Protein backbone atom coordinates (compact mmCIF):
# COMPACT_ATOMS: atom_id res chain seq x y z
CA MET A 1 0.00 0.00 0.00
CA ALA A 2 1.38 3.42 -0.94
CA GLN A 3 2.60 5.51 1.98
CA GLN A 4 0.11 8.32 2.61
CA CYS A 5 1.09 9.18 6.18
CA ALA A 6 3.72 8.60 8.82
CA SER A 7 2.98 7.64 12.40
CA GLY A 8 4.42 5.80 15.39
CA GLN A 9 4.41 2.43 17.10
CA LEU A 10 6.33 1.04 20.04
CA MET A 11 6.26 -2.16 22.05
CA THR A 12 7.83 -3.70 25.12
CA HIS A 13 10.90 -5.86 24.66
CA GLU A 14 9.39 -8.35 27.06
CA ALA A 15 6.33 -10.52 26.45
CA TYR A 16 3.88 -11.37 29.24
CA GLN A 17 1.60 -14.34 29.75
CA TYR A 18 -1.45 -13.13 31.72
CA GLY A 19 -1.61 -10.01 33.86
CA ARG A 20 -3.24 -6.62 34.23
CA PHE A 21 -2.23 -3.94 31.74
CA GLU A 22 -3.13 -0.28 32.33
CA THR A 23 -2.79 2.99 30.48
CA ARG A 24 -4.17 6.52 30.64
CA MET A 25 -4.61 7.83 27.12
CA GLN A 26 -6.35 10.24 24.79
CA SER A 27 -7.17 9.04 21.28
CA ALA A 28 -7.30 10.94 17.98
CA GLN A 29 -10.44 12.02 16.12
CA GLY A 30 -10.93 11.85 12.34
CA ASN A 31 -12.28 9.45 9.73
CA GLY A 32 -10.01 6.49 9.02
CA ILE A 33 -7.93 6.88 12.18
CA VAL A 34 -7.26 4.18 14.81
CA SER A 35 -5.68 4.76 18.24
CA ALA A 36 -4.68 1.62 20.12
CA PHE A 37 -3.32 0.07 23.30
CA PHE A 38 -3.07 -3.69 22.94
CA LEU A 39 -1.29 -6.99 23.54
CA TYR A 40 0.03 -9.06 20.66
CA ASN A 41 2.09 -12.22 20.15
CA ILE A 42 4.67 -10.39 18.05
CA ASP A 43 7.14 -13.23 18.64
CA LEU A 44 5.19 -15.80 16.64
CA GLY A 45 7.83 -15.54 13.91
CA CYS A 46 6.70 -17.40 10.81
CA ASN A 47 3.83 -19.15 12.64
CA TRP A 48 1.04 -16.72 11.72
CA PRO A 49 -1.87 -17.38 11.90
CA ALA A 50 -1.34 -20.64 13.79
CA GLU A 51 -0.10 -18.76 16.88
CA ASN A 52 -2.11 -15.57 16.39
CA ASN A 53 -3.10 -14.07 19.77
CA GLU A 54 -4.10 -10.46 20.45
CA ILE A 55 -6.12 -8.44 22.97
CA ASP A 56 -7.13 -4.91 21.94
CA ILE A 57 -8.35 -1.58 23.21
CA GLU A 58 -9.08 0.57 20.14
CA MET A 59 -10.69 3.93 19.51
CA THR A 60 -11.74 4.70 15.94
CA GLY A 61 -11.68 8.35 14.94
CA ASN A 62 -15.11 8.27 13.29
CA ARG A 63 -16.87 7.47 16.61
CA ASP A 64 -16.79 9.90 19.52
CA ASP A 65 -18.84 7.95 22.06
CA SER A 66 -17.46 4.39 22.14
CA VAL A 67 -14.40 2.16 22.62
CA GLN A 68 -13.84 -1.19 20.92
CA PHE A 69 -12.57 -4.33 22.71
CA THR A 70 -11.35 -7.36 20.73
CA THR A 71 -9.55 -10.69 21.07
CA HIS A 72 -7.86 -12.44 18.12
CA TYR A 73 -7.17 -16.14 17.58
CA PRO A 74 -5.61 -18.61 15.11
CA GLY A 75 -7.55 -18.97 11.89
CA PRO A 76 -7.45 -16.03 11.96
CA TRP A 77 -10.70 -14.90 13.56
CA SER A 78 -11.71 -12.48 16.29
CA ALA A 79 -14.40 -11.65 18.85
CA THR A 80 -15.19 -7.96 19.30
CA GLU A 81 -17.59 -5.49 20.89
CA ILE A 82 -18.02 -1.74 20.43
CA VAL A 83 -19.04 -0.46 23.87
CA PRO A 84 -20.82 2.92 24.26
CA MET A 85 -19.14 5.47 26.54
CA ALA A 86 -20.57 8.50 28.35
CA PHE A 87 -17.65 10.61 27.11
CA ASN A 88 -15.65 11.38 23.97
CA PRO A 89 -12.37 9.37 24.20
CA HIS A 90 -10.75 11.83 21.75
CA ALA A 91 -11.46 14.84 23.99
CA GLY A 92 -9.46 13.96 27.09
CA LEU A 93 -7.39 11.44 29.03
CA HIS A 94 -9.11 8.37 30.49
CA ASP A 95 -7.93 5.25 32.28
CA TYR A 96 -8.12 1.91 30.48
CA ALA A 97 -7.15 -1.57 31.66
CA ILE A 98 -7.04 -5.16 30.41
CA GLU A 99 -7.10 -8.09 32.82
CA TRP A 100 -6.04 -11.36 31.22
CA GLU A 101 -6.35 -14.60 33.15
CA PRO A 102 -6.59 -18.16 31.83
CA GLY A 103 -9.98 -18.37 30.12
CA VAL A 104 -11.13 -14.80 30.77
CA VAL A 105 -10.40 -11.23 29.61
CA ARG A 106 -11.85 -8.16 31.34
CA TRP A 107 -11.76 -4.55 30.15
CA PHE A 108 -12.03 -1.55 32.47
CA VAL A 109 -12.60 2.15 31.74
CA ASP A 110 -11.98 4.71 34.48
CA ASP A 111 -11.81 1.84 37.01
CA GLU A 112 -15.22 0.47 36.00
CA LEU A 113 -15.64 -3.02 34.51
CA VAL A 114 -17.27 -2.47 31.08
CA TYR A 115 -16.83 -5.73 29.16
CA VAL A 116 -15.88 -9.38 29.71
CA GLN A 117 -15.07 -12.29 27.43
CA ASP A 118 -15.15 -15.66 29.20
CA ALA A 119 -16.51 -18.04 26.56
CA GLY A 120 -14.66 -21.24 25.80
CA TYR A 121 -12.74 -19.71 22.91
CA VAL A 122 -10.86 -17.38 25.29
CA SER A 123 -8.82 -20.39 26.39
CA GLY A 124 -7.15 -20.05 22.99
CA LEU A 125 -5.22 -17.04 24.33
CA VAL A 126 -2.15 -18.95 25.47
CA TYR A 127 0.92 -17.21 24.06
CA PRO A 128 2.99 -14.56 25.84
CA MET A 129 2.23 -11.14 24.36
CA ARG A 130 4.01 -7.82 24.28
CA ILE A 131 2.39 -4.47 25.12
CA LEU A 132 1.99 -2.26 22.04
CA MET A 133 0.77 1.26 21.31
CA ASN A 134 0.16 2.59 17.81
CA HIS A 135 -1.72 5.19 15.79
CA TYR A 136 -2.54 4.59 12.12
CA ALA A 137 -4.90 5.22 9.20
CA ALA A 138 -6.86 2.13 8.18
CA ASP A 139 -8.12 1.15 4.76
CA ALA A 140 -11.45 -0.02 6.20
CA PRO A 141 -14.17 2.57 5.52
CA GLY A 142 -16.94 0.33 6.83
CA TRP A 143 -15.18 0.17 10.19
CA VAL A 144 -13.42 3.51 10.69
CA GLY A 145 -14.79 5.72 7.93
CA ALA A 146 -13.09 6.76 4.70
CA TRP A 147 -9.51 7.94 5.25
CA ASP A 148 -8.90 11.56 4.34
CA ALA A 149 -5.39 12.97 4.76
CA ALA A 150 -6.93 16.42 5.30
CA VAL A 151 -7.30 15.55 9.01
CA LEU A 152 -3.51 15.57 9.45
CA PRO A 153 -1.73 16.16 11.73
CA THR A 154 -3.19 14.15 14.63
CA GLU A 155 -1.75 12.72 17.81
CA VAL A 156 -2.44 10.14 20.51
CA SER A 157 -1.22 10.75 24.06
CA TYR A 158 -0.35 8.17 26.75
CA ASP A 159 0.17 9.40 30.31
CA TYR A 160 1.45 6.12 31.76
CA VAL A 161 1.60 2.35 31.22
CA ARG A 162 1.57 -0.17 34.07
CA TYR A 163 2.03 -3.92 34.14
CA TYR A 164 0.78 -6.19 36.93
CA ALA A 165 1.76 -9.87 37.02
CA TYR A 166 -0.96 -12.49 37.42
CA THR A 167 -0.38 -13.79 40.97
CA PRO A 168 -3.58 -15.50 42.17
CA GLY A 169 -3.67 -15.84 45.94
CA SER A 170 -0.76 -13.45 46.56
CA GLY A 171 -1.63 -10.23 44.73
CA ASP A 172 -2.90 -6.89 45.96
CA ALA A 173 -4.58 -5.31 42.91
CA GLY A 174 -7.31 -5.96 40.35
CA THR A 175 -10.12 -8.48 40.43
CA ASP A 176 -9.95 -10.69 43.56
CA ASN A 177 -6.49 -9.21 44.27
CA ASN A 178 -5.08 -11.56 41.65
CA PHE A 179 -2.46 -9.12 40.35
CA MET A 180 0.72 -7.48 41.64
CA LEU A 181 2.38 -4.37 40.19
CA GLN A 182 5.70 -5.11 38.47
CA TRP A 183 6.47 -1.76 36.86
CA SER A 184 4.99 1.62 36.00
CA ASP A 185 6.28 3.94 33.28
CA GLU A 186 5.19 7.57 33.74
CA PHE A 187 7.05 8.67 30.56
CA ASP A 188 9.14 11.30 32.31
CA GLN A 189 11.91 9.99 30.07
CA PHE A 190 12.18 7.30 27.42
CA ASP A 191 13.37 3.91 28.67
CA PRO A 192 15.05 2.01 25.79
CA SER A 193 15.55 -1.01 28.03
CA ARG A 194 11.75 -1.39 28.24
CA TRP A 195 10.51 -0.08 24.89
CA GLN A 196 11.35 -0.90 21.29
CA ILE A 197 10.38 1.64 18.61
CA THR A 198 9.18 0.35 15.24
CA GLU A 199 11.23 1.78 12.36
CA PHE A 200 9.59 1.60 8.91
CA GLY A 201 7.01 -0.88 10.10
CA GLY A 202 3.46 -1.33 8.90
CA PHE A 203 0.95 -3.98 7.95
CA GLY A 204 -1.71 -4.69 5.37
CA GLY A 205 -4.60 -2.23 5.37
CA ASN A 206 -2.53 0.55 6.99
CA PHE A 207 -1.89 3.73 4.99
CA CYS A 208 0.88 4.87 7.38
CA THR A 209 4.51 3.86 7.87
CA PHE A 210 5.72 3.76 11.47
CA ILE A 211 8.88 5.81 12.02
CA SER A 212 10.83 6.86 15.10
CA ASN A 213 10.64 10.54 14.13
CA ASN A 214 6.91 10.57 14.97
CA ILE A 215 7.30 9.51 18.60
CA ASP A 216 8.22 11.94 21.36
CA LEU A 217 7.80 12.76 25.03
CA GLU A 218 6.18 16.04 25.96
CA GLY A 219 4.92 17.21 29.34
CA GLY A 220 5.29 13.76 30.90
CA GLN A 221 3.29 12.08 28.13
CA LEU A 222 4.25 9.75 25.30
CA GLN A 223 2.87 11.07 22.01
CA LEU A 224 2.40 9.30 18.69
CA HIS A 225 2.04 11.82 15.87
CA MET A 226 0.42 11.14 12.50
CA THR A 227 1.73 13.43 9.77
CA GLU A 228 2.29 13.59 6.07
CA PRO A 229 5.32 11.52 4.95
CA PRO A 230 8.52 13.44 5.78
CA GLN A 231 10.82 14.89 3.15
CA GLN A 232 13.32 12.32 1.94
CA THR A 233 16.83 12.42 3.42
CA THR A 234 20.01 10.44 2.74
CA SER A 235 22.62 9.08 5.12
CA ALA A 236 26.05 7.50 4.79
CA VAL A 237 25.86 3.74 5.39
CA SER A 238 29.04 1.70 5.76
CA PHE A 239 29.04 -1.98 4.81
CA SER A 240 31.76 -4.52 5.59
CA VAL A 241 32.22 -8.29 5.34
CA ASP A 242 35.03 -10.51 6.64
CA VAL A 243 36.18 -13.02 4.01
CA THR A 244 39.10 -14.56 5.90
CA ALA A 245 37.25 -17.90 5.85
CA LEU A 246 37.28 -17.87 2.01
CA ASP A 247 40.05 -19.07 -0.28
CA MET A 248 40.49 -15.79 -2.13
CA ALA A 249 42.39 -15.54 -5.41
CA PRO A 250 44.35 -12.31 -6.10
CA THR A 251 41.86 -11.38 -8.83
CA ASP A 252 38.72 -12.00 -6.74
CA VAL A 253 36.43 -9.03 -6.05
CA ILE A 254 33.67 -8.76 -3.44
CA TYR A 255 30.54 -6.84 -4.46
CA LEU A 256 27.68 -5.31 -2.47
CA ASN A 257 24.23 -6.04 -3.86
CA GLY A 258 20.86 -4.88 -2.60
CA THR A 259 17.53 -3.22 -3.14
CA PHE A 260 19.41 0.07 -3.56
CA ASN A 261 21.16 -1.11 -6.76
CA ASP A 262 18.56 -3.55 -8.09
CA TRP A 263 20.78 -6.52 -7.20
CA CYS A 264 22.91 -5.71 -10.23
CA GLY A 265 25.82 -8.01 -9.37
CA THR A 266 28.80 -5.80 -10.20
CA CYS A 267 27.60 -2.21 -9.68
CA ASN A 268 29.18 -1.69 -6.25
CA PRO A 269 32.63 -3.29 -5.86
CA MET A 270 34.06 -3.24 -2.35
CA SER A 271 37.72 -2.91 -1.36
CA ASP A 272 40.17 -4.31 1.17
CA VAL A 273 42.64 -1.46 1.33
CA ASP A 274 44.68 -2.71 4.29
CA GLY A 275 44.61 -6.37 3.25
CA ASP A 276 43.12 -7.61 6.52
CA GLY A 277 40.44 -9.69 4.84
CA THR A 278 37.59 -7.25 5.57
CA TRP A 279 36.06 -5.68 2.45
CA GLU A 280 34.35 -2.32 2.89
CA LEU A 281 32.16 0.18 1.05
CA SER A 282 30.19 3.28 2.06
CA LEU A 283 27.10 4.48 0.16
CA MET A 284 24.66 7.36 0.54
CA LEU A 285 21.24 5.76 0.95
CA PRO A 286 17.76 7.26 1.30
CA ALA A 287 15.75 6.84 4.48
CA GLY A 288 13.94 3.52 4.49
CA GLU A 289 14.57 -0.21 4.71
CA HIS A 290 17.29 -1.74 2.56
CA GLU A 291 18.05 -5.43 2.05
CA TYR A 292 21.47 -6.55 0.90
CA LEU A 293 24.01 -9.36 0.59
CA TYR A 294 27.56 -9.83 -0.68
CA SER A 295 28.84 -11.70 -3.73
CA ARG A 296 32.18 -12.71 -5.17
CA ASN A 297 33.03 -12.06 -8.82
CA GLY A 298 29.51 -11.05 -9.82
CA TRP A 299 27.20 -13.85 -8.75
CA SER A 300 29.70 -16.73 -8.74
CA ASP A 301 29.58 -16.99 -4.93
CA ILE A 302 26.98 -15.49 -2.57
CA GLY A 303 27.50 -14.45 1.06
CA GLY A 304 24.07 -13.78 2.53
CA ALA A 305 22.41 -14.28 5.88
CA PRO A 306 21.67 -17.93 6.72
CA LEU A 307 18.02 -18.51 5.80
CA GLY A 308 15.71 -17.99 8.79
CA SER A 309 18.58 -16.94 11.06
CA ALA A 310 18.76 -14.07 13.53
CA CYS A 311 20.36 -11.81 10.90
CA ASP A 312 17.98 -12.80 8.07
CA TYR A 313 16.14 -9.47 7.66
CA LYS A 314 12.86 -11.10 6.63
CA PRO A 315 13.17 -14.63 8.02
CA CYS A 316 9.77 -15.77 6.77
CA ASP A 317 10.50 -15.18 3.07
CA GLU A 318 12.66 -17.26 0.71
CA TRP A 319 15.56 -14.80 0.48
CA SER A 320 18.66 -14.89 2.66
CA ASN A 321 19.34 -11.16 2.88
CA TYR A 322 20.78 -8.92 5.55
CA GLY A 323 19.01 -5.61 6.14
CA VAL A 324 19.41 -2.10 7.50
CA ALA A 325 16.85 0.57 8.42
CA VAL A 326 17.95 4.15 7.74
CA PRO A 327 15.88 6.65 9.79
CA TYR A 328 14.94 10.03 8.37
CA GLY A 329 17.68 12.57 9.10
CA SER A 330 20.00 9.91 10.51
CA GLY A 331 23.73 10.43 10.88
CA ALA A 332 26.27 7.92 9.56
CA ILE A 333 25.37 4.24 10.08
CA GLU A 334 27.75 1.27 10.28
CA THR A 335 26.35 -2.18 9.60
CA GLU A 336 27.69 -5.12 11.56
CA THR A 337 30.72 -6.93 10.15
CA PHE A 338 29.82 -10.58 9.72
CA CYS A 339 31.94 -13.47 8.58
CA TRP A 340 31.04 -14.42 5.00
CA GLY A 341 27.61 -16.05 4.81
CA SER A 342 26.97 -16.00 8.56
CA CYS A 343 25.58 -14.04 11.51
CA GLU A 344 28.85 -14.44 13.38
CA SER A 345 31.99 -12.42 13.70
CA CYS A 346 35.13 -14.10 12.40
CA ALA A 347 36.80 -13.12 15.66
CA ASP A 348 38.33 -16.08 17.50
CA ALA A 349 36.76 -15.56 20.94
CA ASP A 350 38.25 -18.74 22.46
CA GLU A 351 41.67 -18.01 20.90
CA ASP A 352 42.15 -21.50 19.52
CA GLY A 353 43.06 -20.37 16.01
CA VAL A 354 39.64 -21.25 14.56
CA GLY A 355 37.35 -18.37 13.53
CA ALA A 356 33.95 -18.20 15.23
CA ALA A 357 32.09 -18.61 11.94
CA VAL A 358 33.52 -22.12 11.42
CA ASP A 359 34.30 -23.16 15.02
CA ASN A 360 32.46 -26.25 16.29
CA CYS A 361 33.15 -25.13 19.89
CA GLN A 362 32.95 -21.35 19.91
CA ASP A 363 33.35 -20.72 23.65
CA VAL A 364 36.10 -23.18 24.55
CA ALA A 365 39.49 -23.79 22.90
CA ASN A 366 39.25 -26.74 20.52
CA SER A 367 41.92 -26.25 17.88
CA SER A 368 41.72 -29.88 16.71
CA GLN A 369 37.97 -29.50 15.91
CA VAL A 370 37.50 -33.21 16.66
CA ASP A 371 33.82 -34.19 16.27
CA SER A 372 33.68 -37.94 16.73
CA ASP A 373 29.93 -38.35 16.22
CA ASN A 374 29.77 -35.84 13.32
CA ASP A 375 26.88 -33.91 14.84
CA GLY A 376 28.43 -30.47 14.30
CA PHE A 377 29.50 -30.06 17.94
CA GLY A 378 33.16 -30.57 18.78
CA ASN A 379 33.98 -33.19 21.41
CA ARG A 380 35.29 -30.53 23.83
CA CYS A 381 31.83 -28.93 24.19
CA ASP A 382 29.65 -31.98 23.46
CA GLY A 383 28.75 -34.04 26.51
CA ASP A 384 25.45 -34.93 24.84
CA LEU A 385 26.31 -38.58 24.24
CA ASN A 386 22.74 -39.61 23.35
CA ASN A 387 22.20 -36.62 21.02
CA ASP A 388 19.00 -35.34 22.65
CA CYS A 389 20.31 -31.75 22.89
CA ALA A 390 20.76 -31.86 26.67
CA VAL A 391 23.64 -32.96 28.86
CA ASN A 392 22.23 -34.78 31.88
CA PHE A 393 22.26 -37.99 33.91
CA ALA A 394 21.35 -40.09 30.88
CA ASP A 395 24.64 -39.02 29.32
CA LEU A 396 26.49 -39.70 32.58
CA SER A 397 25.13 -43.25 32.55
CA LEU A 398 26.42 -43.78 29.00
CA PHE A 399 29.76 -42.27 30.00
CA LYS A 400 30.17 -44.68 32.92
CA ASN A 401 29.66 -47.62 30.55
CA VAL A 402 32.72 -46.63 28.50
CA MET A 403 34.95 -45.32 31.31
CA PHE A 404 38.59 -46.38 30.86
CA SER A 405 37.99 -47.29 27.21
CA ALA A 406 39.00 -45.68 23.92
CA ASP A 407 35.43 -44.70 22.99
CA ALA A 408 35.92 -41.71 20.68
CA THR A 409 32.59 -39.98 21.39
CA ALA A 410 33.10 -39.93 25.18
CA ASP A 411 36.76 -38.89 24.82
CA LEU A 412 35.95 -35.23 25.34
CA ASP A 413 39.56 -34.03 25.47
CA SER A 414 40.51 -36.18 22.47
CA ASP A 415 43.59 -37.70 24.12
CA GLY A 416 42.73 -41.26 23.06
CA ALA A 417 41.34 -42.45 26.42
CA VAL A 418 38.13 -41.98 28.41
CA ASN A 419 39.15 -41.16 31.97
CA PHE A 420 38.63 -38.80 34.91
CA ALA A 421 39.78 -35.79 32.87
CA ASP A 422 36.83 -36.38 30.52
CA LEU A 423 34.51 -36.82 33.51
CA VAL A 424 35.51 -33.37 34.78
CA ILE A 425 34.67 -31.89 31.36
CA LEU A 426 31.33 -33.73 31.27
CA LYS A 427 30.35 -32.35 34.67
CA SER A 428 31.19 -28.80 33.53
CA LEU A 429 28.73 -29.24 30.65
CA PHE A 430 25.88 -30.61 32.78
CA PHE A 431 22.32 -29.25 32.40
CA ALA A 432 23.09 -27.35 29.21
CA ALA A 433 22.83 -27.92 25.49
CA PRO A 434 25.99 -28.90 23.59
CA GLY A 435 28.01 -26.14 21.94
CA PRO A 436 27.62 -23.39 21.00
CA SER A 437 28.82 -24.27 17.52
CA ALA A 438 28.82 -22.45 14.20
CA LEU A 439 28.00 -25.74 12.49
CA ALA A 440 24.97 -26.98 14.45
CA ASN A 441 22.10 -25.85 16.64
CA CYS A 442 19.85 -27.38 19.25
CA PRO A 443 16.16 -26.37 19.16
């Protein structure tokens, strides 16, 4: 959908399963506009809609005497109610709260219970959810009225947000004293350890793009502003990739490819001026999201993010690209230097002479890289003898059976014999997964 406005969204870093969630807010008036305080399973990854869970408080700008309360489930489907209010939610601050317990959701306005969902389907709300706030223009005229950019600018204000844990039998707040206050944010200053700002986010049916520029604190309130799209800006972005793990010929050239050059293959050659194996290039890029990867000699060899990994910019699509978001008016940006085709640094953290991107024991010296059972974890960090991704008493039992033998898998120090030295290593690995390794993962 073409960008017709810019607005703001932020969310907690932490997700919560059950609790009481409070805010004091004033919504925005105008056709097409939605103001929201809600919970959402943002961490479902690629499992939408199978793990879709959401609990909403929403005010639509075309109605000045109601608030809408909704829950969302896999399918996807939802259950909702527009509840009349004796006030205009766009005209002043009011207190709103969600109580979420197993099998029931309650909504409160100005400390009064106004709506409850406790039907059987509410038991489908099972996933931890983050707290979100956003302000956007919806392409849903039957719901919010026809969007008209003439209403811009608008803003939504939040005076505080509070989270209470669900502690039945030991709480001191909420219904039946089932909740206990964990934190309260009065927005006297922005807390980046609690809140994550969405940069260039959006979703289907939303005319706006969420940007950090449209979020601020003023007079002890958090404000989300909806404006016309800002004037385009450009910023210097530095890219670098470590190719020390590659067998590079003197004539080899590393190229930067991305959405900014139409993936052209050879348009942007990089350079390794100091010969340290790290190729670099700086470009002026417009504000926005940019996907990229590296290639050698055109497209003969590709160094992208491992598919579905932590550095795969869009892990649910089929492309293994890195990514960078360039905010409007940003200063210079440096992207992270990864080892070729990985999310890891090539730095040798355990100082065993093996780079982290290819090390089968990244946190403990293991220069021999012996991996007797070929599971991707080096013997020195692999006490998981039964390969169930956990080192525990089952593995100890197997170890005892081969004590004082030459069993290669249990020979954790790779000295040719299973003895007390290996037992000491096994005990140090107890109650943990094997690794970490650049060559394997445990779920």
